[in-house]
């Protein structure tokens, strides 16, 4: 029995590095350049998790390509409830987190 109306199999990209960026006033995730996934596509995942980390944080994700009818294609994070920062970018992420936390703490006082 076939459960899908689509003939094609979903396209998965494993271990994609994605960076959080500010776009049109919202924090978004996009794949880094030079990977199998197109860097122009946005990645859908939890808004709370995106806002938890600073702009420029790099994550390591497994994503699936979604091609809705009459809409722009996008990527969906496999585990939407958990974002893992990339260990390969540890020093970069560490400095971004320090800047992010310092800015948040200073704005509270």
Protein backbone atom coordinates (compact mmCIF):
# COMPACT_ATOMS: atom_id res chain seq x y z
CA UNK A 1 0.00 0.00 0.00
CA UNK A 2 1.31 3.46 -0.88
CA UNK A 3 0.86 6.22 1.69
CA UNK A 4 2.28 9.13 -0.28
CA UNK A 5 0.84 10.99 -3.25
CA UNK A 6 4.36 11.75 -4.45
CA UNK A 7 6.38 9.35 -6.59
CA UNK A 8 9.79 10.63 -5.54
CA UNK A 9 11.67 9.61 -2.41
CA UNK A 10 12.59 12.41 0.03
CA UNK A 11 16.07 13.85 -0.40
CA UNK A 12 18.12 13.72 2.82
CA UNK A 13 21.34 15.59 3.54
CA UNK A 14 23.30 14.24 6.51
CA UNK A 15 25.73 16.23 8.67
CA UNK A 16 25.05 19.62 7.13
CA UNK A 17 26.64 22.66 8.77
CA UNK A 18 24.15 25.51 9.12
CA UNK A 19 24.73 29.05 10.40
CA UNK A 20 22.20 31.22 12.19
CA UNK A 21 21.74 34.55 10.43
CA UNK A 22 19.49 37.58 10.85
CA UNK A 23 17.17 37.93 7.86
CA UNK A 24 14.29 40.40 7.64
CA UNK A 25 14.36 40.87 11.41
CA UNK A 26 14.14 37.13 12.14
CA UNK A 27 16.75 34.61 13.15
CA UNK A 28 17.06 31.96 10.41
CA UNK A 29 19.27 28.97 9.62
CA UNK A 30 21.01 28.53 6.28
CA UNK A 31 23.53 25.88 5.15
CA UNK A 32 27.12 27.04 4.84
CA UNK A 33 28.66 27.33 1.37
CA UNK A 34 30.37 24.33 -0.27
CA UNK A 35 28.02 21.59 0.92
CA UNK A 36 25.61 19.30 -0.93
CA UNK A 37 22.59 21.30 0.32
CA UNK A 38 21.97 24.60 -1.46
CA UNK A 39 23.03 27.54 0.73
CA UNK A 40 20.13 29.66 -0.56
CA UNK A 41 17.53 27.41 1.10
CA UNK A 42 16.27 28.13 4.60
CA UNK A 43 16.11 25.45 7.29
CA UNK A 44 12.97 25.00 9.35
CA UNK A 45 13.46 24.19 13.05
CA UNK A 46 12.38 25.32 16.52
CA UNK A 47 12.27 29.11 16.97
CA UNK A 48 13.07 28.81 20.70
CA UNK A 49 16.25 26.88 19.97
CA UNK A 50 17.35 29.34 17.30
CA UNK A 51 16.90 32.27 19.69
CA UNK A 52 18.76 30.46 22.48
CA UNK A 53 22.07 30.88 20.63
CA UNK A 54 23.64 33.99 19.11
CA UNK A 55 23.72 35.04 15.48
CA UNK A 56 26.56 33.28 13.68
CA UNK A 57 26.39 30.02 15.67
CA UNK A 58 27.10 26.96 13.51
CA UNK A 59 25.02 23.81 13.95
CA UNK A 60 25.41 20.28 12.59
CA UNK A 61 22.10 18.94 11.28
CA UNK A 62 20.45 16.22 9.26
CA UNK A 63 17.92 17.84 6.93
CA UNK A 64 15.34 16.79 4.38
CA UNK A 65 14.44 18.72 1.23
CA UNK A 66 10.77 19.70 0.97
CA UNK A 67 9.28 20.86 -2.33
CA UNK A 68 5.75 22.15 -1.71
CA UNK A 69 3.52 22.74 -4.71
CA UNK A 70 3.68 26.37 -5.97
CA UNK A 71 6.05 27.42 -3.16
CA UNK A 72 9.78 27.85 -2.69
CA UNK A 73 11.61 24.65 -1.57
CA UNK A 74 13.13 24.55 1.90
CA UNK A 75 14.90 22.17 4.28
CA UNK A 76 13.44 20.59 7.43
CA UNK A 77 15.61 19.60 10.39
CA UNK A 78 15.28 15.89 11.21
CA UNK A 79 15.06 16.46 14.96
CA UNK A 80 13.23 19.77 15.33
CA UNK A 81 13.27 19.68 19.14
CA UNK A 82 17.06 19.60 19.51
CA UNK A 83 19.80 21.64 17.84
CA UNK A 84 23.41 20.51 18.25
CA UNK A 85 26.17 23.05 17.89
CA UNK A 86 28.97 21.82 15.62
CA UNK A 87 32.04 20.66 17.52
CA UNK A 88 34.12 21.39 14.41
CA UNK A 89 33.33 25.10 14.99
CA UNK A 90 33.82 24.96 18.79
CA UNK A 91 36.06 28.03 19.16
CA UNK A 92 33.87 30.14 16.88
CA UNK A 93 30.67 29.08 18.66
CA UNK A 94 32.27 29.67 22.06
CA UNK A 95 33.18 33.29 21.24
CA UNK A 96 29.69 33.93 19.79
CA UNK A 97 28.03 32.48 22.89
CA UNK A 98 30.15 34.66 25.19
CA UNK A 99 29.21 37.76 23.18
CA UNK A 100 25.55 36.72 23.15
CA UNK A 101 25.39 36.04 26.90
CA UNK A 102 27.30 39.21 27.78
CA UNK A 103 24.95 41.28 25.65
CA UNK A 104 21.88 39.67 27.21
CA UNK A 105 23.18 40.19 30.77
CA UNK A 106 24.10 43.84 30.14
CA UNK A 107 20.71 44.62 28.66
CA UNK A 108 18.97 43.32 31.79
CA UNK A 109 20.49 46.04 34.03
